[in-house]
Amino acid sequence: MKKNLFITAIFLISISCVKQSNWNQYLGPNRNAIATDAKISKTWPADGPIGLWSFPLGLGYGGASIFDNEVFVLDRKIGESDILRCIDLNSGEEKWNFTYEADGELPYPGSRAVPTVDENYVWSVGPHGDFYCVNKKTHEPVWHHNLLKEFESELPNWGVSQSPIIYNDLVIVAPQGEKAGVAAFNKITGELVWKSRPLTGYHFHVSPTLANFGETDQIIMISSYDKNDSTKTDEVVAFEANTGDELWTYDGLYSYASISPAMAIDDKRLFLTECAYNDNYDPISILLEITKEGDVFNVKELFFTEEAGSKMHPAVLFENHLYLNHTKNPNQMKCMTLDGEVVWEKGSAPGFDLGALILVDGLILNQNGKNGDIHLIEPSPEGYKELGKASFFDSKISQAWAPLAFSNGKLIIRDLEKMVCIDLQN
């Protein structure tokens, strides 16, 4: 048991070299929707925790990242431009922004992805494929690529949704085009370092995952099949993070609308959850075991279940149980074991819809994607245990589908009209 805990600790350290207090990218420092060193209040007043500030945003679903008390979010002026905003975490005042032209619009308009941030730069991908590196001191672009044009990729129905991964000197995204499925650039110069083969499926809205299996750092990407084109087939595929060399594939996902990324449980297991198993849009969850013998990776399916699955956001892991927002009528939160057994589901309101959840200080913060309400939940295999609830949005078109962000005791949430900062320590 001690050996397994040590291996897990080494794994988490290997995929994150940023301070834990920073939520510097999509799904946080370890890209698993968990804040490991945080402390928050475990009880809320009847009317919920204090909302410190709000900031108006245009329509969109792009979540925030946080670095050194600065909040970064990609905003959009419909039909015209993307706007990378830097907002002070404590005051809610905008410190600077970088705006670039990006004509055209799509159904469900607005930004899609989460910026990635370090001490000096911000990397972000807009809904029309504009991939920018921006200098935080000068507020000016360092380099720019258009992923659609350069890799011959089609514009997805609802725009490009790519949240970049930083790996050593590389920044990695998935253009999902005819010229490359995944691509790695020098994070400072923007030079293309490696590109993978094209993926077998079509361009959809999932971002890549960084994991370590068989003592090998690898980028894992999901590709969806096309119901209208039999030549576009689904796959889960891994590429060596330094070189782009292909390591292994898995073709049992059967997803035609992948949004939720793969999630590494530890150094041997990978969790997949989607909600597009067939024409009935049925949810599924899969646990894979990835092992290495010599130079060969082996992929074993540990479980495949249709009892639980999330369309948009990954599950969170706590004490060998997975918690997710099951996307099937009724839309309910569920708890399942690592053997694939559903041990409980929330059988009445709230439904949580397409909301995101994160784990902070051993507690789950779960957002109702329909009205934006935030629920404080004690994770337990014994049943749903709500400790508090708070409302911060009153829009009739809330659709609070963006990933959550947490840093220094503060939670950042958004809907289609504004971003709100919540104090979770008092």
Protein backbone atom coordinates (compact mmCIF):
# COMPACT_ATOMS: atom_id res chain seq x y z
CA MET A 1 0.00 0.00 0.00
CA LYS A 2 2.80 2.44 0.92
CA LYS A 3 4.56 1.62 -2.35
CA ASN A 4 1.42 2.43 -4.36
CA LEU A 5 0.99 5.74 -2.57
CA PHE A 6 4.62 6.62 -3.28
CA ILE A 7 4.23 5.80 -6.97
CA THR A 8 1.08 7.93 -7.19
CA ALA A 9 2.85 10.86 -5.52
CA ILE A 10 5.78 10.63 -7.95
CA PHE A 11 3.33 10.47 -10.86
CA LEU A 12 1.54 13.64 -9.79
CA ILE A 13 4.82 15.49 -9.31
CA SER A 14 6.06 14.42 -12.73
CA ILE A 15 3.14 16.01 -14.57
CA SER A 16 3.12 19.28 -12.67
CA CYS A 17 5.98 21.68 -12.00
CA VAL A 18 3.86 24.69 -10.95
CA LYS A 19 2.96 25.85 -7.48
CA GLN A 20 -0.15 24.09 -6.22
CA SER A 21 -1.71 27.43 -5.26
CA ASN A 22 -1.96 28.26 -8.98
CA TRP A 23 -4.77 26.88 -11.12
CA ASN A 24 -2.69 27.57 -14.20
CA GLN A 25 -4.53 25.50 -16.80
CA TYR A 26 -7.63 23.52 -17.70
CA LEU A 27 -8.62 21.32 -14.74
CA GLY A 28 -5.94 22.74 -12.49
CA PRO A 29 -2.24 22.14 -11.76
CA ASN A 30 -2.36 18.38 -12.35
CA ARG A 31 -5.16 18.56 -14.96
CA ASN A 32 -7.37 16.36 -12.79
CA ALA A 33 -9.80 18.93 -11.28
CA ILE A 34 -8.20 18.58 -7.82
CA ALA A 35 -6.61 21.22 -5.56
CA THR A 36 -4.40 19.25 -3.18
CA ASP A 37 -3.04 21.82 -0.70
CA ALA A 38 -6.08 24.06 -0.24
CA LYS A 39 -8.13 24.82 2.84
CA ILE A 40 -11.74 26.00 2.63
CA SER A 41 -14.64 26.43 5.02
CA LYS A 42 -16.61 23.21 5.46
CA THR A 43 -19.80 25.02 6.44
CA TRP A 44 -21.68 27.74 4.57
CA PRO A 45 -24.20 30.30 5.82
CA ALA A 46 -27.79 29.75 4.74
CA ASP A 47 -27.36 32.21 1.85
CA GLY A 48 -23.98 30.77 0.84
CA PRO A 49 -20.42 32.13 0.83
CA ILE A 50 -19.57 35.73 -0.08
CA GLY A 51 -19.31 36.76 -3.72
CA LEU A 52 -16.30 39.06 -3.79
CA TRP A 53 -16.74 40.49 -7.28
CA SER A 54 -18.23 39.90 -10.71
CA PHE A 55 -16.92 40.80 -14.14
CA PRO A 56 -19.09 41.12 -17.29
CA LEU A 57 -18.27 38.72 -20.13
CA GLY A 58 -19.67 38.08 -23.57
CA LEU A 59 -21.36 34.84 -24.51
CA GLY A 60 -19.06 31.85 -24.15
CA TYR A 61 -18.05 28.73 -22.31
CA GLY A 62 -14.31 29.23 -21.85
CA GLY A 63 -13.16 28.76 -18.25
CA ALA A 64 -10.54 30.69 -16.31
CA SER A 65 -7.00 29.93 -15.21
CA ILE A 66 -5.26 31.60 -12.26
CA PHE A 67 -1.59 32.41 -11.75
CA ASP A 68 -0.04 34.60 -9.01
CA ASN A 69 -3.40 36.21 -8.13
CA GLU A 70 -4.23 37.00 -11.75
CA VAL A 71 -7.22 35.50 -13.56
CA PHE A 72 -6.96 34.78 -17.28
CA VAL A 73 -9.98 34.14 -19.48
CA LEU A 74 -10.57 34.21 -23.22
CA ASP A 75 -13.58 36.40 -23.92
CA ARG A 76 -15.20 37.14 -27.28
CA LYS A 77 -16.98 39.94 -29.12
CA ILE A 78 -19.49 38.04 -31.20
CA GLY A 79 -18.61 37.87 -34.87
CA GLU A 80 -15.55 40.10 -34.57
CA SER A 81 -12.72 39.30 -32.17
CA ASP A 82 -11.29 37.26 -29.31
CA ILE A 83 -10.17 39.04 -26.14
CA LEU A 84 -7.65 37.56 -23.70
CA ARG A 85 -8.34 39.26 -20.37
CA CYS A 86 -6.15 39.49 -17.26
CA ILE A 87 -8.16 40.30 -14.12
CA ASP A 88 -6.92 40.88 -10.58
CA LEU A 89 -8.06 37.95 -8.42
CA ASN A 90 -8.53 40.07 -5.30
CA SER A 91 -10.22 43.16 -6.71
CA GLY A 92 -11.90 41.97 -9.92
CA GLU A 93 -10.37 44.87 -11.84
CA GLU A 94 -9.10 44.23 -15.35
CA LYS A 95 -5.33 44.76 -15.50
CA TRP A 96 -4.90 44.37 -19.27
CA ASN A 97 -6.25 42.62 -22.33
CA PHE A 98 -5.06 41.48 -25.73
CA THR A 99 -7.58 41.61 -28.56
CA TYR A 100 -7.22 40.11 -32.03
CA GLU A 101 -9.51 39.93 -35.03
CA ALA A 102 -11.40 36.65 -35.49
CA ASP A 103 -14.33 37.07 -37.86
CA GLY A 104 -17.37 34.83 -38.06
CA GLU A 105 -19.60 33.07 -35.61
CA LEU A 106 -21.04 29.67 -34.81
CA PRO A 107 -24.02 28.13 -33.02
CA TYR A 108 -23.52 28.48 -29.27
CA PRO A 109 -21.19 31.44 -29.87
CA GLY A 110 -18.21 32.52 -27.80
CA SER A 111 -14.94 31.18 -26.44
CA ARG A 112 -14.50 27.50 -25.65
CA ALA A 113 -11.14 26.75 -24.03
CA VAL A 114 -9.05 27.59 -20.95
CA PRO A 115 -5.74 29.52 -21.29
CA THR A 116 -2.52 28.00 -19.96
CA VAL A 117 -0.24 30.29 -17.95
CA ASP A 118 3.26 30.38 -16.46
CA GLU A 119 5.45 33.11 -14.96
CA ASN A 120 5.96 34.91 -18.26
CA TYR A 121 3.46 33.81 -20.90
CA VAL A 122 -0.14 32.90 -21.68
CA TRP A 123 -1.07 30.35 -24.35
CA SER A 124 -4.63 30.26 -25.62
CA VAL A 125 -6.66 28.87 -28.51
CA GLY A 126 -9.68 30.75 -29.83
CA PRO A 127 -12.86 29.20 -31.30
CA HIS A 128 -11.62 29.86 -34.86
CA GLY A 129 -8.31 28.07 -34.27
CA ASP A 130 -6.09 31.06 -33.43
CA PHE A 131 -3.28 29.78 -31.23
CA TYR A 132 -1.43 32.62 -29.47
CA CYS A 133 1.46 32.95 -27.08
CA VAL A 134 1.18 36.31 -25.30
CA ASN A 135 3.84 38.01 -23.16
CA LYS A 136 2.41 38.88 -19.74
CA LYS A 137 4.70 41.90 -19.30
CA THR A 138 4.24 43.55 -22.69
CA HIS A 139 0.68 42.25 -23.29
CA GLU A 140 1.71 41.61 -26.88
CA PRO A 141 1.80 38.39 -28.93
CA VAL A 142 5.08 36.46 -29.09
CA TRP A 143 3.86 34.15 -31.86
CA HIS A 144 0.67 32.98 -33.56
CA HIS A 145 -0.53 29.93 -35.49
CA ASN A 146 -3.92 29.17 -36.95
CA LEU A 147 -4.48 25.48 -36.29
CA LEU A 148 -7.23 25.12 -38.89
CA LYS A 149 -5.30 26.63 -41.79
CA GLU A 150 -1.86 25.18 -41.03
CA PHE A 151 -3.01 21.62 -40.36
CA GLU A 152 -5.93 21.50 -42.82
CA SER A 153 -8.53 21.00 -40.14
CA GLU A 154 -12.25 21.64 -40.51
CA LEU A 155 -13.94 24.14 -38.23
CA PRO A 156 -16.07 22.08 -35.82
CA ASN A 157 -19.78 22.84 -35.54
CA TRP A 158 -19.32 24.71 -32.26
CA GLY A 159 -15.80 26.02 -32.76
CA VAL A 160 -12.33 24.92 -31.71
CA SER A 161 -11.95 23.86 -28.08
CA GLN A 162 -8.29 23.31 -27.20
CA SER A 163 -6.70 23.93 -23.82
CA PRO A 164 -2.88 23.78 -24.30
CA ILE A 165 -0.56 21.52 -22.28
CA ILE A 166 2.91 22.69 -21.25
CA TYR A 167 5.49 19.89 -21.17
CA ASN A 168 9.08 20.95 -20.51
CA ASP A 169 9.91 23.33 -23.42
CA LEU A 170 6.85 22.30 -25.43
CA VAL A 171 3.29 23.52 -25.67
CA ILE A 172 0.99 20.84 -27.05
CA VAL A 173 -2.44 21.02 -28.68
CA ALA A 174 -4.54 18.83 -30.98
CA PRO A 175 -5.35 20.44 -34.37
CA GLN A 176 -7.16 17.24 -35.45
CA GLY A 177 -6.46 18.01 -39.11
CA GLU A 178 -5.36 16.24 -42.27
CA LYS A 179 -1.72 17.15 -41.57
CA ALA A 180 -1.61 16.27 -37.85
CA GLY A 181 -3.77 15.00 -35.03
CA VAL A 182 -1.61 16.37 -32.22
CA ALA A 183 1.16 18.97 -32.53
CA ALA A 184 3.93 20.17 -30.21
CA PHE A 185 5.55 23.60 -30.53
CA ASN A 186 8.48 25.23 -28.81
CA LYS A 187 6.61 27.21 -26.18
CA ILE A 188 8.81 30.33 -26.57
CA THR A 189 9.55 30.47 -30.31
CA GLY A 190 6.39 28.82 -31.64
CA GLU A 191 8.46 26.52 -33.86
CA LEU A 192 6.80 23.19 -34.68
CA VAL A 193 8.82 20.45 -32.91
CA TRP A 194 6.76 17.37 -33.73
CA LYS A 195 3.41 16.40 -35.15
CA SER A 196 1.55 13.12 -34.97
CA ARG A 197 -0.22 11.27 -37.72
CA PRO A 198 -3.81 12.42 -38.41
CA LEU A 199 -6.40 10.97 -36.05
CA THR A 200 -8.90 8.43 -37.36
CA GLY A 201 -11.99 10.41 -36.35
CA TYR A 202 -13.29 13.89 -37.01
CA HIS A 203 -12.53 17.20 -35.31
CA PHE A 204 -14.45 17.53 -32.08
CA HIS A 205 -14.12 19.30 -28.72
CA VAL A 206 -11.80 17.28 -26.50
CA SER A 207 -8.35 18.45 -25.33
CA PRO A 208 -5.32 16.16 -24.92
CA THR A 209 -4.18 14.65 -21.62
CA LEU A 210 -0.65 14.30 -20.22
CA ALA A 211 0.03 11.04 -18.37
CA ASN A 212 2.84 8.66 -17.47
CA PHE A 213 2.49 4.93 -18.12
CA GLY A 214 5.37 2.47 -18.27
CA GLU A 215 7.69 5.25 -17.05
CA THR A 216 6.96 7.09 -20.31
CA ASP A 217 5.43 10.57 -20.47
CA GLN A 218 2.73 10.52 -23.10
CA ILE A 219 0.04 12.67 -24.67
CA ILE A 220 -3.33 10.93 -24.89
CA MET A 221 -5.96 12.09 -27.34
CA ILE A 222 -9.53 10.98 -28.09
CA SER A 223 -10.98 10.99 -31.60
CA SER A 224 -14.70 10.57 -32.35
CA TYR A 225 -16.35 8.55 -35.08
CA ASP A 226 -18.61 10.23 -37.62
CA LYS A 227 -22.16 8.88 -37.89
CA ASN A 228 -22.35 10.19 -41.46
CA ASP A 229 -18.92 9.06 -42.67
CA SER A 230 -17.85 5.45 -42.09
CA THR A 231 -14.22 6.33 -42.83
CA LYS A 232 -14.05 8.42 -39.63
CA THR A 233 -13.61 6.00 -36.73
CA ASP A 234 -13.07 6.55 -33.01
CA GLU A 235 -9.82 5.92 -31.17
CA VAL A 236 -7.96 6.70 -27.98
CA VAL A 237 -4.30 7.09 -28.91
CA ALA A 238 -1.10 7.90 -27.02
CA PHE A 239 2.00 9.67 -28.37
CA GLU A 240 5.39 9.97 -26.69
CA ALA A 241 5.48 13.49 -25.23
CA ASN A 242 9.00 14.38 -26.41
CA THR A 243 8.85 12.99 -29.94
CA GLY A 244 5.24 12.34 -30.99
CA ASP A 245 6.00 8.66 -31.62
CA GLU A 246 2.86 6.54 -31.38
CA LEU A 247 2.76 4.27 -28.31
CA TRP A 248 -0.63 2.55 -28.19
CA THR A 249 -4.27 2.78 -29.29
CA TYR A 250 -7.67 1.68 -27.99
CA ASP A 251 -10.73 1.47 -30.25
CA GLY A 252 -13.51 0.54 -27.83
CA LEU A 253 -14.84 3.97 -26.89
CA TYR A 254 -17.58 4.22 -29.57
CA SER A 255 -18.02 7.97 -29.06
CA TYR A 256 -19.24 10.32 -31.77
CA ALA A 257 -19.12 13.48 -29.64
CA SER A 258 -16.10 13.44 -27.32
CA ILE A 259 -15.69 16.43 -25.02
CA SER A 260 -14.50 15.06 -21.68
CA PRO A 261 -10.74 14.32 -21.77
CA ALA A 262 -9.08 11.11 -20.65
CA MET A 263 -8.07 11.13 -16.97
CA ALA A 264 -5.09 9.30 -15.48
CA ILE A 265 -6.01 7.55 -12.22
CA ASP A 266 -2.41 6.55 -11.47
CA ASP A 267 0.59 5.19 -13.38
CA LYS A 268 -1.37 2.19 -14.72
CA ARG A 269 -5.02 3.19 -15.09
CA LEU A 270 -6.82 5.60 -17.43
CA PHE A 271 -10.47 6.64 -17.03
CA LEU A 272 -12.68 7.58 -19.98
CA THR A 273 -16.18 8.99 -19.75
CA GLU A 274 -18.38 10.18 -22.61
CA CYS A 275 -22.03 10.57 -23.48
CA ALA A 276 -22.36 9.60 -27.12
CA TYR A 277 -22.29 5.83 -27.18
CA ASN A 278 -24.99 5.41 -29.84
CA ASP A 279 -27.91 7.20 -31.50
CA ASN A 280 -29.67 7.36 -28.13
CA TYR A 281 -26.81 9.48 -26.78
CA ASP A 282 -26.22 6.96 -24.02
CA PRO A 283 -23.47 7.64 -21.45
CA ILE A 284 -20.52 5.33 -20.91
CA SER A 285 -17.48 5.07 -18.66
CA ILE A 286 -14.41 2.90 -19.22
CA LEU A 287 -11.35 2.11 -17.14
CA LEU A 288 -8.21 0.97 -18.98
CA GLU A 289 -5.04 -0.58 -17.66
CA ILE A 290 -1.90 0.52 -19.52
CA THR A 291 1.23 -1.58 -18.96
CA LYS A 292 4.54 -1.97 -20.74
CA GLU A 293 6.52 -5.12 -21.52
CA GLY A 294 9.85 -4.34 -23.11
CA ASP A 295 9.08 -1.74 -25.76
CA VAL A 296 5.44 -2.76 -26.19
CA PHE A 297 2.46 -1.17 -24.43
CA ASN A 298 -0.52 -3.35 -23.59
CA VAL A 299 -4.04 -1.99 -23.15
CA LYS A 300 -6.56 -3.93 -21.08
CA GLU A 301 -10.18 -2.92 -20.51
CA LEU A 302 -10.91 -3.25 -16.79
CA PHE A 303 -14.55 -2.22 -17.06
CA PHE A 304 -17.06 -0.78 -19.53
CA THR A 305 -20.34 0.51 -18.11
CA GLU A 306 -23.41 2.26 -19.49
CA GLU A 307 -24.63 3.05 -15.98
CA ALA A 308 -22.71 6.32 -15.69
CA GLY A 309 -21.12 8.78 -18.06
CA SER A 310 -20.41 12.49 -18.44
CA LYS A 311 -20.79 14.35 -21.71
CA MET A 312 -18.71 17.42 -20.95
CA HIS A 313 -16.62 17.31 -17.77
CA PRO A 314 -14.39 14.57 -16.32
CA ALA A 315 -15.02 12.85 -13.02
CA VAL A 316 -13.13 13.63 -9.82
CA LEU A 317 -11.39 10.89 -7.85
CA PHE A 318 -11.54 10.70 -4.06
CA GLU A 319 -10.60 7.71 -1.91
CA ASN A 320 -10.97 5.15 -4.71
CA HIS A 321 -14.36 6.44 -5.83
CA LEU A 322 -15.27 8.49 -8.90
CA TYR A 323 -17.85 11.29 -8.77
CA LEU A 324 -19.38 12.66 -11.97
CA ASN A 325 -22.40 14.43 -13.42
CA HIS A 326 -24.22 11.68 -15.28
CA THR A 327 -25.57 13.05 -18.57
CA LYS A 328 -28.77 11.16 -19.25
CA ASN A 329 -32.37 11.96 -18.39
CA PRO A 330 -32.51 12.44 -15.50
CA ASN A 331 -29.17 14.28 -15.31
CA GLN A 332 -27.85 13.33 -11.88
CA MET A 333 -24.64 13.20 -9.91
CA LYS A 334 -23.34 9.66 -9.43
CA CYS A 335 -20.68 7.88 -7.39
CA MET A 336 -18.96 4.77 -8.71
CA THR A 337 -16.17 2.46 -7.63
CA LEU A 338 -13.00 1.79 -9.59
CA ASP A 339 -14.59 -1.54 -10.47
CA GLY A 340 -17.32 0.28 -12.40
CA GLU A 341 -20.11 -0.24 -9.85
CA VAL A 342 -22.48 2.69 -9.31
CA VAL A 343 -23.01 2.91 -5.55
CA TRP A 344 -25.42 5.85 -5.55
CA GLU A 345 -27.08 8.51 -7.66
CA LYS A 346 -28.73 11.74 -6.65
CA GLY A 347 -32.36 10.89 -7.29
CA SER A 348 -33.97 14.33 -7.08
CA ALA A 349 -33.19 17.99 -7.83
CA PRO A 350 -30.66 19.40 -8.50
CA GLY A 351 -29.89 17.66 -11.76
CA PHE A 352 -26.54 19.45 -12.32
CA ASP A 353 -27.07 19.23 -16.10
CA LEU A 354 -23.74 19.97 -17.90
CA GLY A 355 -22.05 21.62 -14.94
CA ALA A 356 -18.44 21.10 -13.84
CA LEU A 357 -17.13 19.78 -10.54
CA ILE A 358 -13.79 20.00 -8.74
CA LEU A 359 -12.34 18.60 -5.51
CA VAL A 360 -10.93 21.07 -2.95
CA ASP A 361 -9.82 20.19 0.60
CA GLY A 362 -11.58 16.84 0.40
CA LEU A 363 -14.89 18.44 -0.63
CA ILE A 364 -16.63 18.59 -4.00
CA LEU A 365 -17.76 21.87 -5.52
CA ASN A 366 -20.39 21.03 -8.13
CA GLN A 367 -22.04 23.61 -10.38
CA ASN A 368 -25.53 23.21 -11.78
CA GLY A 369 -25.00 23.82 -15.50
CA LYS A 370 -28.57 25.02 -16.00
CA ASN A 371 -28.78 27.83 -13.41
CA GLY A 372 -25.16 28.20 -12.22
CA ASP A 373 -25.82 27.31 -8.56
CA ILE A 374 -22.80 26.02 -6.63
CA HIS A 375 -23.21 23.04 -4.27
CA LEU A 376 -20.77 22.04 -1.53
CA ILE A 377 -20.77 18.24 -1.22
CA GLU A 378 -18.99 15.83 1.09
CA PRO A 379 -17.84 12.91 -1.08
CA SER A 380 -18.87 9.59 0.42
CA PRO A 381 -19.80 6.18 -1.00
CA GLU A 382 -22.64 6.13 1.53
CA GLY A 383 -24.71 8.68 -0.39
CA TYR A 384 -25.14 12.28 -1.52
CA LYS A 385 -24.23 14.65 1.34
CA GLU A 386 -24.82 18.31 0.57
CA LEU A 387 -23.26 20.78 2.99
CA GLY A 388 -24.28 24.02 1.33
CA LYS A 389 -25.70 25.75 -1.73
CA ALA A 390 -25.30 29.23 -3.21
CA SER A 391 -26.75 31.18 -6.15
CA PHE A 392 -24.81 33.86 -8.00
CA PHE A 393 -26.57 34.06 -11.37
CA ASP A 394 -30.07 35.13 -12.34
CA SER A 395 -29.85 34.98 -16.12
CA LYS A 396 -32.56 33.07 -17.96
CA ILE A 397 -29.91 31.78 -20.36
CA SER A 398 -27.38 30.78 -17.73
CA GLN A 399 -25.82 27.66 -19.32
CA ALA A 400 -22.97 27.60 -16.82
CA TRP A 401 -20.96 24.94 -18.63
CA ALA A 402 -17.43 26.31 -18.18
CA PRO A 403 -14.77 24.49 -16.11
CA LEU A 404 -14.27 25.84 -12.59
CA ALA A 405 -11.05 27.38 -11.28
CA PHE A 406 -9.76 27.67 -7.70
CA SER A 407 -6.78 29.44 -6.11
CA ASN A 408 -5.90 30.97 -2.73
CA GLY A 409 -9.29 30.25 -1.22
CA LYS A 410 -11.23 31.73 -4.13
CA LEU A 411 -13.48 29.98 -6.64
CA ILE A 412 -14.00 31.41 -10.14
CA ILE A 413 -17.25 30.52 -11.95
CA ARG A 414 -19.03 31.95 -15.00
CA ASP A 415 -22.19 31.79 -17.05
CA LEU A 416 -23.08 33.46 -20.36
CA GLU A 417 -23.07 36.97 -18.91
CA LYS A 418 -20.47 37.31 -16.18
CA MET A 419 -17.64 35.77 -14.17
CA VAL A 420 -17.92 35.63 -10.36
CA CYS A 421 -15.27 35.24 -7.66
CA ILE A 422 -16.39 33.49 -4.44
CA ASP A 423 -14.61 33.51 -1.07
CA LEU A 424 -14.49 29.91 0.21
CA GLN A 425 -12.34 30.51 3.30
CA ASN A 426 -14.66 32.69 5.39
